[in-house]
Amino acid sequence: MRYLHTMVRVTDLDASLDFYCDKLGLELLQRVDVEAGRFTLVFLAAPGNEMAQVELTYNWDPEKYTGGRNFGHLAYEVDDIYAFCQKLMDGGVTIHRPPRDGRMAFVRSPDAISIELLQKGPALPVKEPWASMENIGEW
C-alpha cells in the first residue's frame, strides 16, 4: 500500500490556488478540467515531495459545504484491488463503491471518513462478483 493524496473540496479555485501555491508554497503538479462532470481537480505537493499530494476539487456548480463535506477522502494505491477489497469484506468492512472497473473502490472508516482504493498500474480485468455489485450508501 502507498499513500497517494488527500482531497479537499474548495469553493473558489483561484483563491485556493493563491493560498496553497503562492502563500504556502506548494507546487502545482497537475490540473484536470472534467467538463462532463463539471469539476476541476488540481494536484499539489510541497517542493521535492511529490509523493504526498493534496487534491483540490472544485465543483463548477455552487455548493455549500457543511458537516465536513469539503474534506473528501484519503487515497491509497494497492497491488490487487480485488484481493484487498475481499480482505476488507472478510473483516466486516462495507465496500461502498465496489471496484467494478478493476481500478477504484471506496470504503469508509468507523468515523465515516471516505477511503479511496486505487489499483496500482493499469486497471485489472473486470470480473464478478465486483462487476455486478451496487454502490452502498455514501462514499
Protein backbone atom coordinates (compact mmCIF):
# COMPACT_ATOMS: atom_id res chain seq x y z
CA MET A 1 0.00 0.00 0.00
CA ARG A 2 1.22 3.51 -0.80
CA TYR A 3 -0.26 6.84 0.32
CA LEU A 4 -1.41 8.91 -2.68
CA HIS A 5 -3.26 12.10 -1.71
CA THR A 6 -5.78 13.87 0.48
CA MET A 7 -8.73 15.54 -1.27
CA VAL A 8 -10.25 18.83 -0.13
CA ARG A 9 -13.24 20.49 -1.82
CA VAL A 10 -12.84 24.21 -2.46
CA THR A 11 -15.40 26.89 -3.31
CA ASP A 12 -13.09 29.38 -5.05
CA LEU A 13 -10.32 27.74 -7.08
CA ASP A 14 -8.39 30.95 -7.75
CA ALA A 15 -8.36 31.94 -4.08
CA SER A 16 -7.40 28.39 -3.11
CA LEU A 17 -4.52 28.26 -5.59
CA ASP A 18 -3.32 31.63 -4.30
CA PHE A 19 -3.38 30.26 -0.75
CA TYR A 20 -1.89 26.81 -1.35
CA CYS A 21 0.66 27.78 -4.03
CA ASP A 22 1.51 31.46 -3.61
CA LYS A 23 1.24 31.60 0.17
CA LEU A 24 2.01 28.07 1.41
CA GLY A 25 4.49 27.37 -1.36
CA LEU A 26 3.00 24.14 -2.73
CA GLU A 27 3.70 23.37 -6.37
CA LEU A 28 1.02 22.65 -8.95
CA LEU A 29 1.67 19.16 -10.32
CA GLN A 30 -1.42 18.57 -12.44
CA ARG A 31 -4.72 20.18 -13.32
CA VAL A 32 -7.61 18.23 -14.84
CA ASP A 33 -10.77 20.01 -16.00
CA VAL A 34 -13.61 17.47 -16.39
CA GLU A 35 -16.29 19.25 -18.42
CA ALA A 36 -18.65 16.24 -18.46
CA GLY A 37 -18.58 16.03 -14.65
CA ARG A 38 -18.42 19.81 -14.20
CA PHE A 39 -15.42 19.76 -11.86
CA THR A 40 -11.70 20.55 -11.78
CA LEU A 41 -9.04 18.54 -9.96
CA VAL A 42 -5.76 20.20 -9.02
CA PHE A 43 -2.91 18.17 -7.53
CA LEU A 44 -0.36 19.99 -5.36
CA ALA A 45 2.70 18.96 -3.39
CA ALA A 46 5.45 20.51 -1.35
CA PRO A 47 8.62 21.13 -3.37
CA GLY A 48 10.63 17.91 -3.58
CA ASN A 49 7.86 15.80 -2.01
CA GLU A 50 5.55 14.77 -4.84
CA MET A 51 4.65 11.55 -3.03
CA ALA A 52 2.44 13.41 -0.51
CA GLN A 53 -0.14 15.28 -2.55
CA VAL A 54 -3.17 17.42 -1.85
CA GLU A 55 -6.02 17.22 -4.36
CA LEU A 56 -8.17 20.32 -4.59
CA THR A 57 -11.58 19.53 -6.04
CA TYR A 58 -13.56 22.43 -7.41
CA ASN A 59 -17.17 21.70 -8.38
CA TRP A 60 -18.29 24.17 -11.03
CA ASP A 61 -21.85 24.33 -9.72
CA PRO A 62 -22.04 26.21 -6.40
CA GLU A 63 -22.49 24.03 -3.34
CA LYS A 64 -22.46 24.92 0.35
CA TYR A 65 -20.26 22.50 2.27
CA THR A 66 -21.42 21.51 5.72
CA GLY A 67 -20.62 18.65 8.05
CA GLY A 68 -17.10 18.19 6.75
CA ARG A 69 -18.16 17.65 3.12
CA ASN A 70 -15.27 19.86 1.99
CA PHE A 71 -12.89 17.14 3.16
CA GLY A 72 -13.21 14.41 0.60
CA HIS A 73 -11.14 11.30 1.18
CA LEU A 74 -7.81 9.63 1.76
CA ALA A 75 -6.44 7.64 -1.18
CA TYR A 76 -4.23 4.55 -1.19
CA GLU A 77 -2.76 2.51 -4.01
CA VAL A 78 -2.97 -1.28 -3.64
CA ASP A 79 -1.34 -4.15 -5.56
CA ASP A 80 -4.58 -6.08 -6.20
CA ILE A 81 -7.81 -4.16 -5.65
CA TYR A 82 -9.99 -7.27 -5.81
CA ALA A 83 -7.96 -9.18 -3.21
CA PHE A 84 -7.72 -6.10 -1.00
CA CYS A 85 -11.48 -5.47 -1.12
CA GLN A 86 -12.18 -9.13 -0.42
CA LYS A 87 -9.91 -9.00 2.62
CA LEU A 88 -11.77 -5.91 3.87
CA MET A 89 -15.16 -7.56 3.30
CA ASP A 90 -13.99 -10.69 5.12
CA GLY A 91 -13.10 -8.38 8.02
CA GLY A 92 -16.59 -6.90 8.10
CA VAL A 93 -15.88 -3.71 6.14
CA THR A 94 -18.62 -2.50 3.77
CA ILE A 95 -17.43 -1.75 0.24
CA HIS A 96 -19.46 1.39 -0.50
CA ARG A 97 -18.25 1.73 -4.10
CA PRO A 98 -17.09 -1.68 -5.37
CA PRO A 99 -14.20 -1.93 -7.85
CA ARG A 100 -16.50 -2.68 -10.80
CA ASP A 101 -13.96 -1.19 -13.19
CA GLY A 102 -10.97 -3.07 -11.75
CA ARG A 103 -9.46 0.27 -10.78
CA MET A 104 -11.24 2.10 -7.95
CA ALA A 105 -13.22 1.36 -4.80
CA PHE A 106 -14.38 3.33 -1.75
CA VAL A 107 -14.83 2.26 1.86
CA ARG A 108 -15.43 4.33 5.00
CA SER A 109 -13.66 4.43 8.33
CA PRO A 110 -15.58 3.94 11.59
CA ASP A 111 -15.80 7.76 11.71
CA ALA A 112 -17.24 7.89 8.16
CA ILE A 113 -14.06 9.18 6.51
CA SER A 114 -14.04 8.03 2.89
CA ILE A 115 -11.05 5.96 1.80
CA GLU A 116 -10.38 5.62 -1.93
CA LEU A 117 -8.55 2.49 -3.03
CA LEU A 118 -6.85 2.60 -6.41
CA GLN A 119 -5.33 -0.28 -8.36
CA LYS A 120 -1.58 0.07 -8.83
CA GLY A 121 -0.78 0.31 -12.53
CA PRO A 122 -3.45 -0.39 -15.13
CA ALA A 123 -6.95 -1.49 -14.15
CA LEU A 124 -7.45 -5.21 -13.59
CA PRO A 125 -9.78 -7.05 -15.98
CA VAL A 126 -13.43 -6.58 -14.99
CA LYS A 127 -14.75 -9.64 -13.16
CA GLU A 128 -17.53 -10.88 -10.93
CA PRO A 129 -18.77 -10.53 -8.30
CA TRP A 130 -17.39 -6.99 -8.41
CA ALA A 131 -18.81 -6.03 -11.82
CA SER A 132 -22.40 -6.59 -10.64
CA MET A 133 -22.11 -5.06 -7.16
CA GLU A 134 -24.12 -1.90 -6.47
CA ASN A 135 -22.98 1.13 -4.50
CA ILE A 136 -24.00 1.11 -0.85
CA GLY A 137 -24.73 4.39 0.95
CA GLU A 138 -22.40 7.35 0.54
CA TRP A 139 -18.76 7.16 -0.34
